[in-house]
Amino acid sequence: MALLAKQTLSMLVRLVTLLSRQMFRLVLLVCRSSRSKDIELLVVRQEVAVLRRQVGRPKVRPEERIVLTVLQRLRPAAERMSLLVTPDTLRGGIVSSSVTSGPDATG
């Protein structure tokens, strides 16, 4: 039980840190020009395309799944072309990781 509580606390700390970084990035993004944002978006999309060719399925931590799912939900449905994380994978990832990493887990 103590191990599960420690893992949960660790995940919450990482989640708060990740959300804080995202909020800081959002504040900085507001100050930038539209052209600068568009160029950065094109660069990031190209980087993602290159990485997808080199790497199999990415290993996403539970707190990263939460942030990605929330951000995807903020986008219009028509713009959600390829979802790395969907609500189903969020639910499945957290449930399966808590089941497989619990004190009674075998593996």
N, C-alpha and C. Protein backbone atom coordinates (compact mmCIF):
# COMPACT_ATOMS: atom_id res chain seq x y z
N MET A 1 0.82 -1.20 0.00
CA MET A 1 0.00 0.00 0.00
C MET A 1 0.87 1.27 0.00
N ALA A 2 1.97 1.21 0.77
CA ALA A 2 2.85 2.37 0.83
C ALA A 2 3.51 2.62 -0.53
N LEU A 3 3.82 1.55 -1.24
CA LEU A 3 4.43 1.69 -2.56
C LEU A 3 3.46 2.36 -3.53
N LEU A 4 2.20 1.96 -3.49
CA LEU A 4 1.19 2.56 -4.36
C LEU A 4 1.02 4.05 -4.04
N ALA A 5 1.00 4.40 -2.75
CA ALA A 5 0.87 5.80 -2.35
C ALA A 5 2.08 6.60 -2.81
N LYS A 6 3.27 6.02 -2.71
CA LYS A 6 4.49 6.70 -3.15
C LYS A 6 4.47 6.92 -4.66
N GLN A 7 4.02 5.91 -5.42
CA GLN A 7 3.93 6.05 -6.87
C GLN A 7 2.91 7.10 -7.27
N THR A 8 1.78 7.12 -6.55
CA THR A 8 0.74 8.11 -6.83
C THR A 8 1.25 9.51 -6.55
N LEU A 9 1.92 9.69 -5.42
CA LEU A 9 2.47 11.00 -5.08
C LEU A 9 3.50 11.43 -6.11
N SER A 10 4.35 10.50 -6.53
CA SER A 10 5.36 10.80 -7.53
C SER A 10 4.71 11.23 -8.84
N MET A 11 3.65 10.53 -9.26
CA MET A 11 2.96 10.89 -10.49
C MET A 11 2.31 12.27 -10.36
N LEU A 12 1.73 12.58 -9.20
CA LEU A 12 1.10 13.88 -8.99
C LEU A 12 2.13 15.01 -9.05
N VAL A 13 3.30 14.79 -8.47
CA VAL A 13 4.36 15.80 -8.53
C VAL A 13 4.79 16.03 -9.97
N ARG A 14 4.97 14.94 -10.73
CA ARG A 14 5.35 15.08 -12.14
C ARG A 14 4.25 15.78 -12.94
N LEU A 15 2.99 15.48 -12.62
CA LEU A 15 1.86 16.10 -13.31
C LEU A 15 1.83 17.61 -13.04
N VAL A 16 2.00 17.99 -11.79
CA VAL A 16 1.99 19.42 -11.44
C VAL A 16 3.16 20.13 -12.12
N THR A 17 4.32 19.49 -12.15
CA THR A 17 5.49 20.08 -12.82
C THR A 17 5.22 20.24 -14.31
N LEU A 18 4.67 19.22 -14.92
CA LEU A 18 4.36 19.26 -16.35
C LEU A 18 3.33 20.34 -16.66
N LEU A 19 2.29 20.42 -15.86
CA LEU A 19 1.26 21.45 -16.07
C LEU A 19 1.83 22.85 -15.87
N SER A 20 2.71 23.01 -14.90
CA SER A 20 3.34 24.32 -14.67
C SER A 20 4.18 24.74 -15.87
N ARG A 21 4.94 23.79 -16.41
CA ARG A 21 5.73 24.09 -17.60
C ARG A 21 4.85 24.47 -18.77
N GLN A 22 3.74 23.75 -18.95
CA GLN A 22 2.83 24.05 -20.05
C GLN A 22 2.21 25.43 -19.89
N MET A 23 1.84 25.79 -18.67
CA MET A 23 1.25 27.12 -18.44
C MET A 23 2.28 28.21 -18.72
N PHE A 24 3.52 27.99 -18.32
CA PHE A 24 4.57 28.96 -18.60
C PHE A 24 4.77 29.11 -20.10
N ARG A 25 4.77 27.99 -20.82
CA ARG A 25 4.89 28.04 -22.28
C ARG A 25 3.73 28.79 -22.91
N LEU A 26 2.54 28.60 -22.36
CA LEU A 26 1.37 29.30 -22.89
C LEU A 26 1.50 30.81 -22.71
N VAL A 27 1.99 31.23 -21.56
CA VAL A 27 2.21 32.66 -21.31
C VAL A 27 3.22 33.22 -22.31
N LEU A 28 4.30 32.49 -22.54
CA LEU A 28 5.30 32.94 -23.51
C LEU A 28 4.74 32.96 -24.93
N LEU A 29 3.87 32.01 -25.23
CA LEU A 29 3.28 31.91 -26.56
C LEU A 29 2.41 33.12 -26.89
N VAL A 30 1.74 33.65 -25.89
CA VAL A 30 0.87 34.81 -26.10
C VAL A 30 1.68 36.02 -26.55
N CYS A 31 2.92 36.10 -26.11
CA CYS A 31 3.76 37.25 -26.43
C CYS A 31 4.41 37.17 -27.81
N ARG A 32 4.32 36.02 -28.47
CA ARG A 32 4.99 35.85 -29.75
C ARG A 32 4.09 36.19 -30.93
N SER A 33 4.72 36.48 -32.06
CA SER A 33 3.96 36.81 -33.26
C SER A 33 3.37 35.54 -33.88
N SER A 34 2.36 35.74 -34.69
CA SER A 34 1.70 34.63 -35.35
C SER A 34 2.65 33.91 -36.31
N ARG A 35 3.47 34.67 -37.01
CA ARG A 35 4.42 34.09 -37.96
C ARG A 35 5.42 33.20 -37.23
N SER A 36 5.91 33.66 -36.11
CA SER A 36 6.85 32.87 -35.31
C SER A 36 6.22 31.57 -34.84
N LYS A 37 4.96 31.63 -34.42
CA LYS A 37 4.25 30.42 -33.98
C LYS A 37 4.05 29.45 -35.13
N ASP A 38 3.70 29.97 -36.30
CA ASP A 38 3.50 29.12 -37.47
C ASP A 38 4.78 28.39 -37.87
N ILE A 39 5.89 29.11 -37.84
CA ILE A 39 7.18 28.50 -38.19
C ILE A 39 7.54 27.43 -37.18
N GLU A 40 7.35 27.72 -35.90
CA GLU A 40 7.66 26.72 -34.88
C GLU A 40 6.78 25.49 -35.04
N LEU A 41 5.53 25.69 -35.37
CA LEU A 41 4.62 24.56 -35.56
C LEU A 41 5.08 23.68 -36.72
N LEU A 42 5.52 24.29 -37.81
CA LEU A 42 6.03 23.52 -38.95
C LEU A 42 7.28 22.74 -38.57
N VAL A 43 8.16 23.36 -37.80
CA VAL A 43 9.39 22.68 -37.36
C VAL A 43 9.04 21.49 -36.47
N VAL A 44 8.14 21.69 -35.53
CA VAL A 44 7.77 20.62 -34.61
C VAL A 44 7.09 19.48 -35.37
N ARG A 45 6.22 19.80 -36.33
CA ARG A 45 5.58 18.75 -37.12
C ARG A 45 6.61 17.94 -37.90
N GLN A 46 7.63 18.62 -38.45
CA GLN A 46 8.67 17.90 -39.18
C GLN A 46 9.46 17.01 -38.23
N GLU A 47 9.78 17.52 -37.04
CA GLU A 47 10.51 16.71 -36.06
C GLU A 47 9.70 15.47 -35.66
N VAL A 48 8.41 15.64 -35.47
CA VAL A 48 7.55 14.51 -35.11
C VAL A 48 7.51 13.49 -36.24
N ALA A 49 7.43 13.97 -37.47
CA ALA A 49 7.42 13.05 -38.62
C ALA A 49 8.71 12.23 -38.68
N VAL A 50 9.84 12.88 -38.44
CA VAL A 50 11.13 12.18 -38.45
C VAL A 50 11.18 11.17 -37.32
N LEU A 51 10.76 11.56 -36.13
CA LEU A 51 10.80 10.66 -34.98
C LEU A 51 9.87 9.47 -35.15
N ARG A 52 8.71 9.67 -35.76
CA ARG A 52 7.79 8.56 -35.99
C ARG A 52 8.37 7.51 -36.91
N ARG A 53 9.22 7.94 -37.84
CA ARG A 53 9.87 6.97 -38.74
C ARG A 53 10.94 6.18 -38.01
N GLN A 54 11.55 6.76 -36.98
CA GLN A 54 12.67 6.13 -36.31
C GLN A 54 12.27 5.30 -35.09
N VAL A 55 11.16 5.62 -34.49
CA VAL A 55 10.79 5.01 -33.22
C VAL A 55 9.48 4.26 -33.40
N GLY A 56 9.34 3.15 -32.70
CA GLY A 56 8.08 2.42 -32.71
C GLY A 56 7.02 3.20 -31.94
N ARG A 57 6.33 2.53 -31.08
CA ARG A 57 5.30 3.18 -30.30
C ARG A 57 5.94 3.91 -29.11
N PRO A 58 5.64 5.20 -28.94
CA PRO A 58 6.26 5.95 -27.84
C PRO A 58 5.74 5.47 -26.49
N LYS A 59 6.60 5.55 -25.49
CA LYS A 59 6.20 5.21 -24.13
C LYS A 59 5.80 6.49 -23.42
N VAL A 60 4.52 6.62 -23.15
CA VAL A 60 3.98 7.84 -22.56
C VAL A 60 3.61 7.56 -21.11
N ARG A 61 4.10 8.41 -20.21
CA ARG A 61 3.78 8.25 -18.80
C ARG A 61 2.35 8.71 -18.54
N PRO A 62 1.74 8.24 -17.44
CA PRO A 62 0.35 8.59 -17.15
C PRO A 62 0.08 10.10 -17.09
N GLU A 63 0.99 10.86 -16.48
CA GLU A 63 0.76 12.31 -16.39
C GLU A 63 0.86 12.98 -17.75
N GLU A 64 1.70 12.43 -18.64
CA GLU A 64 1.78 12.96 -20.00
C GLU A 64 0.52 12.61 -20.78
N ARG A 65 -0.05 11.44 -20.54
CA ARG A 65 -1.32 11.06 -21.18
C ARG A 65 -2.43 12.04 -20.79
N ILE A 66 -2.46 12.41 -19.52
CA ILE A 66 -3.51 13.33 -19.05
C ILE A 66 -3.38 14.67 -19.76
N VAL A 67 -2.18 15.22 -19.80
CA VAL A 67 -1.97 16.53 -20.44
C VAL A 67 -2.29 16.46 -21.93
N LEU A 68 -1.81 15.42 -22.62
CA LEU A 68 -2.09 15.29 -24.05
C LEU A 68 -3.58 15.15 -24.33
N THR A 69 -4.27 14.39 -23.50
CA THR A 69 -5.71 14.21 -23.70
C THR A 69 -6.46 15.52 -23.50
N VAL A 70 -6.11 16.26 -22.47
CA VAL A 70 -6.77 17.54 -22.22
C VAL A 70 -6.50 18.50 -23.36
N LEU A 71 -5.25 18.57 -23.81
CA LEU A 71 -4.92 19.48 -24.91
C LEU A 71 -5.65 19.07 -26.20
N GLN A 72 -5.74 17.77 -26.47
CA GLN A 72 -6.45 17.32 -27.66
C GLN A 72 -7.93 17.67 -27.58
N ARG A 73 -8.51 17.56 -26.39
CA ARG A 73 -9.94 17.88 -26.23
C ARG A 73 -10.21 19.37 -26.46
N LEU A 74 -9.21 20.22 -26.26
CA LEU A 74 -9.38 21.65 -26.48
C LEU A 74 -9.41 22.01 -27.96
N ARG A 75 -8.88 21.12 -28.80
CA ARG A 75 -8.85 21.36 -30.24
C ARG A 75 -10.20 20.98 -30.86
N PRO A 76 -10.59 21.66 -31.94
CA PRO A 76 -11.80 21.26 -32.64
C PRO A 76 -11.66 19.83 -33.17
N ALA A 77 -12.77 19.10 -33.20
CA ALA A 77 -12.74 17.69 -33.61
C ALA A 77 -12.17 17.52 -35.02
N ALA A 78 -12.45 18.43 -35.91
CA ALA A 78 -11.97 18.30 -37.29
C ALA A 78 -10.45 18.42 -37.38
N GLU A 79 -9.80 19.04 -36.38
CA GLU A 79 -8.35 19.23 -36.42
C GLU A 79 -7.59 18.10 -35.73
N ARG A 80 -8.29 17.18 -35.11
CA ARG A 80 -7.63 16.07 -34.42
C ARG A 80 -7.32 14.96 -35.42
N MET A 81 -6.30 15.18 -36.23
CA MET A 81 -6.01 14.24 -37.32
C MET A 81 -5.46 12.92 -36.80
N SER A 82 -4.39 12.95 -36.08
CA SER A 82 -3.83 11.70 -35.56
C SER A 82 -3.60 11.87 -34.07
N LEU A 83 -4.36 11.15 -33.32
CA LEU A 83 -4.26 11.27 -31.88
C LEU A 83 -3.25 10.27 -31.34
N LEU A 84 -2.25 10.77 -30.68
CA LEU A 84 -1.30 9.90 -30.00
C LEU A 84 -1.96 9.30 -28.78
N VAL A 85 -2.76 10.12 -28.11
CA VAL A 85 -3.45 9.67 -26.89
C VAL A 85 -4.92 10.02 -27.02
N THR A 86 -5.77 9.04 -26.84
CA THR A 86 -7.21 9.24 -26.85
C THR A 86 -7.74 8.99 -25.45
N PRO A 87 -8.97 9.37 -25.18
CA PRO A 87 -9.53 9.06 -23.86
C PRO A 87 -9.49 7.58 -23.54
N ASP A 88 -9.65 6.71 -24.56
CA ASP A 88 -9.59 5.27 -24.31
C ASP A 88 -8.19 4.82 -23.92
N THR A 89 -7.16 5.36 -24.57
CA THR A 89 -5.80 4.99 -24.19
C THR A 89 -5.43 5.56 -22.85
N LEU A 90 -6.00 6.72 -22.52
CA LEU A 90 -5.76 7.29 -21.19
C LEU A 90 -6.32 6.37 -20.13
N ARG A 91 -7.55 5.97 -20.30
CA ARG A 91 -8.21 5.10 -19.33
C ARG A 91 -7.48 3.76 -19.26
N GLY A 92 -7.16 3.19 -20.40
CA GLY A 92 -6.48 1.91 -20.44
C GLY A 92 -5.07 1.98 -19.88
N GLY A 93 -4.36 3.07 -20.16
CA GLY A 93 -3.00 3.21 -19.68
C GLY A 93 -2.93 3.33 -18.18
N ILE A 94 -3.79 4.13 -17.59
CA ILE A 94 -3.77 4.31 -16.14
C ILE A 94 -4.24 3.04 -15.46
N VAL A 95 -5.29 2.45 -15.96
CA VAL A 95 -5.81 1.23 -15.34
C VAL A 95 -4.79 0.11 -15.45
N SER A 96 -4.23 -0.10 -16.64
CA SER A 96 -3.30 -1.21 -16.80
C SER A 96 -2.02 -0.97 -16.02
N SER A 97 -1.53 0.28 -15.97
CA SER A 97 -0.29 0.52 -15.24
C SER A 97 -0.49 0.38 -13.74
N SER A 98 -1.65 0.77 -13.23
CA SER A 98 -1.87 0.63 -11.79
C SER A 98 -2.09 -0.84 -11.44
N VAL A 99 -2.68 -1.61 -12.35
CA VAL A 99 -2.90 -3.03 -12.10
C VAL A 99 -1.57 -3.77 -12.16
N THR A 100 -0.75 -3.46 -13.18
CA THR A 100 0.50 -4.19 -13.33
C THR A 100 1.59 -3.74 -12.38
N SER A 101 1.47 -2.56 -11.79
CA SER A 101 2.50 -2.09 -10.88
C SER A 101 2.07 -2.16 -9.43
N GLY A 102 0.91 -2.69 -9.17
CA GLY A 102 0.41 -2.78 -7.81
C GLY A 102 1.18 -3.81 -7.01
N PRO A 103 0.94 -3.88 -5.70
CA PRO A 103 1.69 -4.78 -4.83
C PRO A 103 1.47 -6.25 -5.14
N ASP A 104 0.31 -6.61 -5.72
CA ASP A 104 0.02 -8.02 -6.02
C ASP A 104 0.36 -8.40 -7.44
N ALA A 105 0.99 -7.49 -8.17
CA ALA A 105 1.27 -7.74 -9.59
C ALA A 105 2.36 -8.80 -9.75
N THR A 106 2.16 -9.62 -10.74
CA THR A 106 3.16 -10.63 -11.05
C THR A 106 3.74 -10.30 -12.40
N GLY A 107 4.96 -10.54 -12.62
CA GLY A 107 5.50 -10.21 -13.92
C GLY A 107 6.91 -10.19 -13.93
